[in-house]
Structure formats: structure tokens, C-alpha cells
C-alpha atoms as a PDB file:
ATOM      1  CA  UNK A   1       0.000   0.000   0.000  1.00  0.00           C
ATOM      2  CA  UNK A   2       1.293   3.457  -0.918  1.00  0.00           C
ATOM      3  CA  UNK A   3       0.816   6.811   0.847  1.00  0.00           C
ATOM      4  CA  UNK A   4      -2.010   8.086  -1.335  1.00  0.00           C
ATOM      5  CA  UNK A   5      -4.941  10.411  -0.853  1.00  0.00           C
ATOM      6  CA  UNK A   6      -8.464   9.120  -1.458  1.00  0.00           C
ATOM      7  CA  UNK A   7      -9.158   9.247  -5.180  1.00  0.00           C
ATOM      8  CA  UNK A   8      -5.466   9.371  -6.204  1.00  0.00           C
ATOM      9  CA  UNK A   9      -4.290   7.359  -9.189  1.00  0.00           C
ATOM     10  CA  UNK A  10      -0.765   5.898  -9.187  1.00  0.00           C
ATOM     11  CA  UNK A  11       0.826   4.720 -12.442  1.00  0.00           C
ATOM     12  CA  UNK A  12       4.201   3.377 -13.548  1.00  0.00           C
ATOM     13  CA  UNK A  13       5.413   5.395 -16.544  1.00  0.00           C
ATOM     14  CA  UNK A  14       7.501   4.283 -19.478  1.00  0.00           C
ATOM     15  CA  UNK A  15       8.663   7.237 -21.579  1.00  0.00           C
ATOM     16  CA  UNK A  16       9.195   7.180 -25.328  1.00  0.00           C
ATOM     17  CA  UNK A  17      10.665   9.984 -27.435  1.00  0.00           C
ATOM     18  CA  UNK A  18       9.243  10.349 -30.945  1.00  0.00           C
ATOM     19  CA  UNK A  19      11.344  12.384 -33.386  1.00  0.00           C
ATOM     20  CA  UNK A  20       9.396  13.488 -36.444  1.00  0.00           C
ATOM     21  CA  UNK A  21      10.372  16.032 -39.104  1.00  0.00           C
ATOM     22  CA  UNK A  22      13.150  17.489 -36.949  1.00  0.00           C
ATOM     23  CA  UNK A  23      10.895  17.901 -33.909  1.00  0.00           C
ATOM     24  CA  UNK A  24      10.536  15.794 -30.791  1.00  0.00           C
ATOM     25  CA  UNK A  25       7.707  14.838 -28.467  1.00  0.00           C
ATOM     26  CA  UNK A  26       7.353  12.465 -25.535  1.00  0.00           C
ATOM     27  CA  UNK A  27       4.790   9.693 -25.227  1.00  0.00           C
ATOM     28  CA  UNK A  28       4.324   8.538 -21.634  1.00  0.00           C
ATOM     29  CA  UNK A  29       2.720   5.108 -21.294  1.00  0.00           C
ATOM     30  CA  UNK A  30       1.072   4.812 -17.870  1.00  0.00           C
ATOM     31  CA  UNK A  31       0.520   1.379 -16.304  1.00  0.00           C
ATOM     32  CA  UNK A  32      -2.113   1.464 -13.553  1.00  0.00           C
ATOM     33  CA  UNK A  33      -0.815   0.490 -10.091  1.00  0.00           C
ATOM     34  CA  UNK A  34      -3.551   1.876  -7.807  1.00  0.00           C
ATOM     35  CA  UNK A  35      -6.762   3.770  -8.462  1.00  0.00           C
ATOM     36  CA  UNK A  36      -8.926   3.907 -11.560  1.00  0.00           C
ATOM     37  CA  UNK A  37      -8.118   4.848 -15.164  1.00  0.00           C
ATOM     38  CA  UNK A  38     -10.050   4.330 -18.392  1.00  0.00           C
ATOM     39  CA  UNK A  39      -7.829   1.318 -19.105  1.00  0.00           C
ATOM     40  CA  UNK A  40      -4.960  -0.645 -17.575  1.00  0.00           C
ATOM     41  CA  UNK A  41      -2.529   1.259 -19.836  1.00  0.00           C
ATOM     42  CA  UNK A  42      -2.824   4.845 -21.093  1.00  0.00           C
ATOM     43  CA  UNK A  43      -0.439   6.479 -23.615  1.00  0.00           C
ATOM     44  CA  UNK A  44      -0.214  10.291 -23.378  1.00  0.00           C
ATOM     45  CA  UNK A  45       1.706  12.447 -25.892  1.00  0.00           C
ATOM     46  CA  UNK A  46       3.250  15.569 -24.342  1.00  0.00           C
ATOM     47  CA  UNK A  47       5.702  18.369 -25.032  1.00  0.00           C
ATOM     48  CA  UNK A  48       6.343  20.006 -21.685  1.00  0.00           C
ATOM     49  CA  UNK A  49       8.207  18.621 -18.702  1.00  0.00           C
ATOM     50  CA  UNK A  50       8.054  20.707 -15.514  1.00  0.00           C
ATOM     51  CA  UNK A  51      10.021  19.321 -12.566  1.00  0.00           C
ATOM     52  CA  UNK A  52       9.083  19.738  -8.911  1.00  0.00           C
ATOM     53  CA  UNK A  53      11.634  21.335  -6.601  1.00  0.00           C
ATOM     54  CA  UNK A  54      14.031  19.032  -4.778  1.00  0.00           C
ATOM     55  CA  UNK A  55      12.052  19.229  -1.525  1.00  0.00           C
ATOM     56  CA  UNK A  56       9.357  17.049  -3.138  1.00  0.00           C
ATOM     57  CA  UNK A  57      11.669  14.601  -4.910  1.00  0.00           C
ATOM     58  CA  UNK A  58      11.995  11.122  -3.396  1.00  0.00           C
ATOM     59  CA  UNK A  59      15.258   9.337  -2.676  1.00  0.00           C
ATOM     60  CA  UNK A  60      15.971   5.710  -1.813  1.00  0.00           C
ATOM     61  CA  UNK A  61      18.196   2.718  -2.425  1.00  0.00           C
ATOM     62  CA  UNK A  62      15.463   1.140  -4.568  1.00  0.00           C
ATOM     63  CA  UNK A  63      12.833   2.404  -6.966  1.00  0.00           C
ATOM     64  CA  UNK A  64      10.090   1.568  -4.441  1.00  0.00           C
ATOM     65  CA  UNK A  65      11.876   3.450  -1.617  1.00  0.00           C
ATOM     66  CA  UNK A  66      12.320   6.545  -3.794  1.00  0.00           C
ATOM     67  CA  UNK A  67       8.673   6.410  -4.874  1.00  0.00           C
ATOM     68  CA  UNK A  68       7.402   6.026  -1.299  1.00  0.00           C
ATOM     69  CA  UNK A  69       9.658   8.886  -0.105  1.00  0.00           C
ATOM     70  CA  UNK A  70       8.270  11.122  -2.854  1.00  0.00           C
ATOM     71  CA  UNK A  71       4.642  10.132  -2.183  1.00  0.00           C
ATOM     72  CA  UNK A  72       5.014  10.792   1.551  1.00  0.00           C
ATOM     73  CA  UNK A  73       6.403  14.293   0.816  1.00  0.00           C
ATOM     74  CA  UNK A  74       3.527  15.253  -1.478  1.00  0.00           C
ATOM     75  CA  UNK A  75       0.674  13.537   0.373  1.00  0.00           C
ATOM     76  CA  UNK A  76      -2.125  16.013   1.053  1.00  0.00           C
ATOM     77  CA  UNK A  77      -0.680  18.724  -1.233  1.00  0.00           C
ATOM     78  CA  UNK A  78      -2.506  20.115  -4.255  1.00  0.00           C
ATOM     79  CA  UNK A  79      -0.676  19.812  -7.572  1.00  0.00           C
ATOM     80  CA  UNK A  80      -0.363  23.623  -7.633  1.00  0.00           C
ATOM     81  CA  UNK A  81       1.578  23.478  -4.337  1.00  0.00           C
ATOM     82  CA  UNK A  82       4.144  20.986  -5.633  1.00  0.00           C
ATOM     83  CA  UNK A  83       5.433  22.925  -8.645  1.00  0.00           C
ATOM     84  CA  UNK A  84       7.242  26.270  -8.667  1.00  0.00           C
ATOM     85  CA  UNK A  85       5.427  29.324  -9.964  1.00  0.00           C
ATOM     86  CA  UNK A  86       5.872  30.078 -13.622  1.00  0.00           C
ATOM     87  CA  UNK A  87       7.205  33.558 -14.420  1.00  0.00           C
ATOM     88  CA  UNK A  88       4.521  35.864 -15.742  1.00  0.00           C
ATOM     89  CA  UNK A  89       4.992  37.404 -19.188  1.00  0.00           C
END
């Protein structure tokens, strides 16, 4: 069992990089671990990667330890609280 809020969805992500006509995009394939999705696997194309500050990043000697450390740090926080503010233009 992971440190999740009620209604959270946890997935394992495999990332692909598609290069087409000199441009690049990511396709993240999500495998459902806990919660509910529209299918067991979901592939999502995306362009932007915004990283959370180090205070929310998980560390461990194994993948599971790092994931649990991260989940415990962000438990109860809104997504907007996890990511740094974007500069206004």
C-alpha cells in the first residue's frame, strides 16, 4: 500500500521519445498500479516537462523506496503546491 490520498491514481510510466520532421515529443505510457483509469494502460503524448523542486523529490536505495519517499512528501498537497510558480509574461 502506498501513501495516497483518497481518489489518487498511481501509475508506472515508461517514456518514449518520438522524433518526427526534426521535432521531438514524448509519449508517456502509464501502467495502472492503484486507483482507476479508463484502461490498464494509457499512452499520453506531451511536449512540456516541468520538474518539482528538490524538496518534493523522493530518494531511496530502490525504486520503491524513492517512490514512497516522494509520495510521503507530497501527500495532502494540491498539484499547484508541488510545482514552482511560472514567471509571468
